[in-house]
Amino acid sequence: MITINTKRLTLEPLGMKYLETVHEYASDIENTRYMIYLPNQTLGETIDFLQKADNEWMKSAPSFYEFALLFNNLHIGAISIERLNDSSWELGWIINKKYWKQGFAYEAAAALLDYSAKELNIKHFVAHCDSENIASYKTMEKLGMSRTAAYGGRKNKASEEERIEYKYELYV
């Protein structure tokens, strides 16, 4: 199993042992208002997701890596990379709203990008966000990612309206 340490955080495999804390932020409407697949409506949805994450960690070549973010041994969010094709991987994160505006998403993403480039030989990263999710796209820009597209058709789970989506990319 992979563990990545930063100045303030430990990134370790996300799985069922984090059920309660994942469900806290994954089912919170404010925490997930800009997310396509969240909020979770039931504990069962969170269980299904965490079982998939646990199962993926058991594979010799996972198609995605889901990490728990630990700050002072408290689970405060998650970050992931997911294979899009042979050369591109998508980066994404969620931070419990109790820990917003403290730089945790940037710190975790920078560490995961560095690890992924060096250890997994990934050279192309993609990230998407709702155009109104200023904190996410500012984090992407701080990571050195460039906005390469903006298009309609985004549908966040908690909203009926069609949204504008930004796409960011980074080549390392």
C-alpha atoms as a PDB file:
ATOM      1  CA  MET A   1       0.000   0.000   0.000  1.00  0.00           C
ATOM      2  CA  ILE A   2       1.096   3.530  -0.762  1.00  0.00           C
ATOM      3  CA  THR A   3       1.512   6.228   1.876  1.00  0.00           C
ATOM      4  CA  ILE A   4       2.548   9.779   0.990  1.00  0.00           C
ATOM      5  CA  ASN A   5       3.601  12.294   3.628  1.00  0.00           C
ATOM      6  CA  THR A   6       3.677  16.071   3.320  1.00  0.00           C
ATOM      7  CA  LYS A   7       4.535  18.762   5.832  1.00  0.00           C
ATOM      8  CA  ARG A   8       1.072  18.539   7.434  1.00  0.00           C
ATOM      9  CA  LEU A   9      -0.697  15.593   5.838  1.00  0.00           C
ATOM     10  CA  THR A  10      -0.565  11.852   5.440  1.00  0.00           C
ATOM     11  CA  LEU A  11      -2.174  10.388   2.317  1.00  0.00           C
ATOM     12  CA  GLU A  12      -3.086   6.741   2.787  1.00  0.00           C
ATOM     13  CA  PRO A  13      -5.482   4.356   1.028  1.00  0.00           C
ATOM     14  CA  LEU A  14      -9.117   5.343   1.444  1.00  0.00           C
ATOM     15  CA  GLY A  15     -11.432   2.484   2.376  1.00  0.00           C
ATOM     16  CA  MET A  16     -14.188   1.205   4.628  1.00  0.00           C
ATOM     17  CA  LYS A  17     -12.387   2.168   7.826  1.00  0.00           C
ATOM     18  CA  TYR A  18     -13.274   5.778   6.951  1.00  0.00           C
ATOM     19  CA  LEU A  19     -16.994   5.149   6.440  1.00  0.00           C
ATOM     20  CA  GLU A  20     -18.255   7.595   9.069  1.00  0.00           C
ATOM     21  CA  THR A  21     -15.996  10.507   8.122  1.00  0.00           C
ATOM     22  CA  VAL A  22     -16.425  10.014   4.365  1.00  0.00           C
ATOM     23  CA  HIS A  23     -20.194   9.921   4.733  1.00  0.00           C
ATOM     24  CA  GLU A  24     -20.078  13.126   6.799  1.00  0.00           C
ATOM     25  CA  TYR A  25     -18.609  15.184   3.934  1.00  0.00           C
ATOM     26  CA  ALA A  26     -19.968  13.116   1.009  1.00  0.00           C
ATOM     27  CA  SER A  27     -23.581  13.549   2.127  1.00  0.00           C
ATOM     28  CA  ASP A  28     -23.315  17.243   3.038  1.00  0.00           C
ATOM     29  CA  ILE A  29     -25.059  19.424   0.439  1.00  0.00           C
ATOM     30  CA  GLU A  30     -22.835  22.474   1.087  1.00  0.00           C
ATOM     31  CA  ASN A  31     -19.671  20.388   0.947  1.00  0.00           C
ATOM     32  CA  THR A  32     -20.672  18.807  -2.379  1.00  0.00           C
ATOM     33  CA  ARG A  33     -22.635  21.523  -4.194  1.00  0.00           C
ATOM     34  CA  TYR A  34     -20.192  21.602  -7.133  1.00  0.00           C
ATOM     35  CA  MET A  35     -19.837  17.820  -7.478  1.00  0.00           C
ATOM     36  CA  ILE A  36     -21.201  15.639 -10.268  1.00  0.00           C
ATOM     37  CA  TYR A  37     -21.533  12.389  -8.276  1.00  0.00           C
ATOM     38  CA  LEU A  38     -22.228  13.772  -4.809  1.00  0.00           C
ATOM     39  CA  PRO A  39     -23.942  14.274  -2.400  1.00  0.00           C
ATOM     40  CA  ASN A  40     -24.645  10.723  -1.388  1.00  0.00           C
ATOM     41  CA  GLN A  41     -28.269  10.292  -0.387  1.00  0.00           C
ATOM     42  CA  THR A  42     -27.754   7.126   1.673  1.00  0.00           C
ATOM     43  CA  LEU A  43     -25.106   5.428   3.746  1.00  0.00           C
ATOM     44  CA  GLY A  44     -25.329   2.572   1.234  1.00  0.00           C
ATOM     45  CA  GLU A  45     -23.987   4.819  -1.541  1.00  0.00           C
ATOM     46  CA  THR A  46     -20.980   5.670   0.605  1.00  0.00           C
ATOM     47  CA  ILE A  47     -20.450   2.002   1.463  1.00  0.00           C
ATOM     48  CA  ASP A  48     -20.556   1.034  -2.239  1.00  0.00           C
ATOM     49  CA  PHE A  49     -17.980   3.693  -3.098  1.00  0.00           C
ATOM     50  CA  LEU A  50     -15.623   2.691  -0.275  1.00  0.00           C
ATOM     51  CA  GLN A  51     -15.899  -1.010  -1.159  1.00  0.00           C
ATOM     52  CA  LYS A  52     -14.868  -0.131  -4.729  1.00  0.00           C
ATOM     53  CA  ALA A  53     -11.921   1.858  -3.382  1.00  0.00           C
ATOM     54  CA  ASP A  54     -10.871  -1.018  -1.093  1.00  0.00           C
ATOM     55  CA  ASN A  55     -11.133  -3.490  -3.988  1.00  0.00           C
ATOM     56  CA  GLU A  56      -9.142  -1.256  -6.316  1.00  0.00           C
ATOM     57  CA  TRP A  57      -6.281  -1.037  -3.817  1.00  0.00           C
ATOM     58  CA  MET A  58      -6.010  -4.854  -3.962  1.00  0.00           C
ATOM     59  CA  LYS A  59      -5.241  -4.848  -7.710  1.00  0.00           C
ATOM     60  CA  SER A  60      -1.682  -5.032  -9.012  1.00  0.00           C
ATOM     61  CA  ALA A  61      -2.415  -2.178 -11.444  1.00  0.00           C
ATOM     62  CA  PRO A  62      -5.293  -0.065 -10.103  1.00  0.00           C
ATOM     63  CA  SER A  63      -7.301   2.065 -12.523  1.00  0.00           C
ATOM     64  CA  PHE A  64      -7.748   4.627  -9.749  1.00  0.00           C
ATOM     65  CA  TYR A  65      -6.078   5.495  -6.479  1.00  0.00           C
ATOM     66  CA  GLU A  66      -8.251   6.978  -3.687  1.00  0.00           C
ATOM     67  CA  PHE A  67      -6.378   8.454  -0.753  1.00  0.00           C
ATOM     68  CA  ALA A  68      -7.651   9.589   2.628  1.00  0.00           C
ATOM     69  CA  LEU A  69      -6.171  12.893   3.782  1.00  0.00           C
ATOM     70  CA  LEU A  70      -5.131  12.804   7.422  1.00  0.00           C
ATOM     71  CA  PHE A  71      -4.294  15.959   9.362  1.00  0.00           C
ATOM     72  CA  ASN A  72      -3.161  15.378  12.949  1.00  0.00           C
ATOM     73  CA  ASN A  73      -4.523  11.830  12.496  1.00  0.00           C
ATOM     74  CA  LEU A  74      -7.990  13.194  11.622  1.00  0.00           C
ATOM     75  CA  HIS A  75      -9.566  12.222   8.305  1.00  0.00           C
ATOM     76  CA  ILE A  76     -10.363  15.555   6.600  1.00  0.00           C
ATOM     77  CA  GLY A  77     -10.974  14.605   2.967  1.00  0.00           C
ATOM     78  CA  ALA A  78      -9.853  12.586  -0.012  1.00  0.00           C
ATOM     79  CA  ILE A  79      -7.822  12.929  -3.190  1.00  0.00           C
ATOM     80  CA  SER A  80      -7.629  10.635  -6.175  1.00  0.00           C
ATOM     81  CA  ILE A  81      -6.191   9.988  -9.584  1.00  0.00           C
ATOM     82  CA  GLU A  82      -8.088   7.909 -12.128  1.00  0.00           C
ATOM     83  CA  ARG A  83      -6.857   6.486 -15.418  1.00  0.00           C
ATOM     84  CA  LEU A  84      -8.597   8.076 -18.394  1.00  0.00           C
ATOM     85  CA  ASN A  85      -6.513   6.294 -21.036  1.00  0.00           C
ATOM     86  CA  ASP A  86      -2.965   4.980 -21.534  1.00  0.00           C
ATOM     87  CA  SER A  87      -1.371   8.388 -21.024  1.00  0.00           C
ATOM     88  CA  SER A  88      -3.810  10.561 -19.050  1.00  0.00           C
ATOM     89  CA  TRP A  89      -5.077  10.504 -15.480  1.00  0.00           C
ATOM     90  CA  GLU A  90      -7.721  12.659 -13.819  1.00  0.00           C
ATOM     91  CA  LEU A  91      -7.023  14.371 -10.519  1.00  0.00           C
ATOM     92  CA  GLY A  92      -9.803  15.172  -8.044  1.00  0.00           C
ATOM     93  CA  TRP A  93     -10.294  15.994  -4.376  1.00  0.00           C
ATOM     94  CA  ILE A  94     -12.800  16.804  -1.680  1.00  0.00           C
ATOM     95  CA  ILE A  95     -12.106  18.454   1.664  1.00  0.00           C
ATOM     96  CA  ASN A  96     -14.497  18.446   4.615  1.00  0.00           C
ATOM     97  CA  LYS A  97     -15.831  22.023   4.829  1.00  0.00           C
ATOM     98  CA  LYS A  98     -14.529  22.266   8.422  1.00  0.00           C
ATOM     99  CA  TYR A  99     -11.020  22.369   6.873  1.00  0.00           C
ATOM    100  CA  TRP A 100     -11.581  24.663   3.874  1.00  0.00           C
ATOM    101  CA  LYS A 101      -9.283  27.619   3.169  1.00  0.00           C
ATOM    102  CA  GLN A 102      -6.221  26.095   4.820  1.00  0.00           C
ATOM    103  CA  GLY A 103      -4.331  24.924   1.722  1.00  0.00           C
ATOM    104  CA  PHE A 104      -4.932  21.215   2.274  1.00  0.00           C
ATOM    105  CA  ALA A 105      -6.178  20.496  -1.270  1.00  0.00           C
ATOM    106  CA  TYR A 106      -3.120  22.147  -2.792  1.00  0.00           C
ATOM    107  CA  GLU A 107      -0.707  20.409  -0.414  1.00  0.00           C
ATOM    108  CA  ALA A 108      -2.225  16.987  -1.063  1.00  0.00           C
ATOM    109  CA  ALA A 109      -2.525  17.502  -4.831  1.00  0.00           C
ATOM    110  CA  ALA A 110       1.062  18.712  -5.174  1.00  0.00           C
ATOM    111  CA  ALA A 111       2.290  15.638  -3.294  1.00  0.00           C
ATOM    112  CA  LEU A 112       0.125  13.261  -5.328  1.00  0.00           C
ATOM    113  CA  LEU A 113       1.209  14.836  -8.629  1.00  0.00           C
ATOM    114  CA  ASP A 114       4.862  14.521  -7.622  1.00  0.00           C
ATOM    115  CA  TYR A 115       4.440  10.914  -6.487  1.00  0.00           C
ATOM    116  CA  SER A 116       2.451   9.977  -9.602  1.00  0.00           C
ATOM    117  CA  ALA A 117       4.982  11.502 -11.976  1.00  0.00           C
ATOM    118  CA  LYS A 118       7.988   9.908 -10.260  1.00  0.00           C
ATOM    119  CA  GLU A 119       6.635   6.536  -9.136  1.00  0.00           C
ATOM    120  CA  LEU A 120       3.842   5.806 -11.606  1.00  0.00           C
ATOM    121  CA  ASN A 121       5.451   7.580 -14.579  1.00  0.00           C
ATOM    122  CA  ILE A 122       2.314   9.614 -15.282  1.00  0.00           C
ATOM    123  CA  LYS A 123       3.028  12.576 -17.539  1.00  0.00           C
ATOM    124  CA  HIS A 124      -0.427  14.032 -18.249  1.00  0.00           C
ATOM    125  CA  PHE A 125      -2.981  15.083 -15.660  1.00  0.00           C
ATOM    126  CA  VAL A 126      -6.486  16.413 -16.219  1.00  0.00           C
ATOM    127  CA  ALA A 127      -8.892  18.010 -13.739  1.00  0.00           C
ATOM    128  CA  HIS A 128     -12.434  19.345 -14.089  1.00  0.00           C
ATOM    129  CA  CYS A 129     -14.548  21.648 -11.968  1.00  0.00           C
ATOM    130  CA  ASP A 130     -17.709  23.679 -12.000  1.00  0.00           C
ATOM    131  CA  SER A 131     -16.969  27.195 -13.274  1.00  0.00           C
ATOM    132  CA  GLU A 132     -18.253  28.660  -9.994  1.00  0.00           C
ATOM    133  CA  ASN A 133     -15.946  26.504  -7.867  1.00  0.00           C
ATOM    134  CA  ILE A 134     -13.341  29.230  -7.510  1.00  0.00           C
ATOM    135  CA  ALA A 135     -11.373  27.436  -4.786  1.00  0.00           C
ATOM    136  CA  SER A 136     -10.886  24.370  -7.000  1.00  0.00           C
ATOM    137  CA  TYR A 137      -9.805  26.162 -10.132  1.00  0.00           C
ATOM    138  CA  LYS A 138      -7.483  28.468  -8.160  1.00  0.00           C
ATOM    139  CA  THR A 139      -5.906  25.324  -6.671  1.00  0.00           C
ATOM    140  CA  MET A 140      -5.501  23.843 -10.161  1.00  0.00           C
ATOM    141  CA  GLU A 141      -3.816  27.027 -11.353  1.00  0.00           C
ATOM    142  CA  LYS A 142      -1.514  27.112  -8.301  1.00  0.00           C
ATOM    143  CA  LEU A 143      -0.503  23.528  -9.178  1.00  0.00           C
ATOM    144  CA  GLY A 144       0.624  24.785 -12.601  1.00  0.00           C
ATOM    145  CA  MET A 145      -2.365  23.410 -14.480  1.00  0.00           C
ATOM    146  CA  SER A 146      -3.709  25.379 -17.452  1.00  0.00           C
ATOM    147  CA  ARG A 147      -7.351  25.858 -18.370  1.00  0.00           C
ATOM    148  CA  THR A 148      -7.772  24.168 -21.745  1.00  0.00           C
ATOM    149  CA  ALA A 149     -11.547  24.167 -22.138  1.00  0.00           C
ATOM    150  CA  ALA A 150     -14.811  25.590 -20.877  1.00  0.00           C
ATOM    151  CA  TYR A 151     -18.065  24.015 -21.996  1.00  0.00           C
ATOM    152  CA  GLY A 152     -21.708  23.618 -21.032  1.00  0.00           C
ATOM    153  CA  GLY A 153     -23.556  20.474 -20.164  1.00  0.00           C
ATOM    154  CA  ARG A 154     -22.213  19.851 -16.682  1.00  0.00           C
ATOM    155  CA  LYS A 155     -24.880  18.448 -14.355  1.00  0.00           C
ATOM    156  CA  ASN A 156     -24.104  18.536 -10.652  1.00  0.00           C
ATOM    157  CA  LYS A 157     -26.045  15.961  -8.655  1.00  0.00           C
ATOM    158  CA  ALA A 158     -27.489  18.516  -6.220  1.00  0.00           C
ATOM    159  CA  SER A 159     -28.770  20.864  -8.941  1.00  0.00           C
ATOM    160  CA  GLU A 160     -31.207  20.676 -11.815  1.00  0.00           C
ATOM    161  CA  GLU A 161     -29.523  23.414 -13.807  1.00  0.00           C
ATOM    162  CA  GLU A 162     -26.958  22.882 -16.530  1.00  0.00           C
ATOM    163  CA  ARG A 163     -23.566  24.261 -15.551  1.00  0.00           C
ATOM    164  CA  ILE A 164     -20.355  25.390 -17.232  1.00  0.00           C
ATOM    165  CA  GLU A 165     -17.376  23.078 -16.673  1.00  0.00           C
ATOM    166  CA  TYR A 166     -13.708  24.015 -16.773  1.00  0.00           C
ATOM    167  CA  LYS A 167     -11.062  21.552 -17.871  1.00  0.00           C
ATOM    168  CA  TYR A 168      -7.474  21.938 -16.692  1.00  0.00           C
ATOM    169  CA  GLU A 169      -4.399  20.036 -17.828  1.00  0.00           C
ATOM    170  CA  LEU A 170      -0.798  19.599 -16.745  1.00  0.00           C
ATOM    171  CA  TYR A 171       2.045  17.882 -18.581  1.00  0.00           C
ATOM    172  CA  VAL A 172       5.062  16.951 -16.451  1.00  0.00           C
END
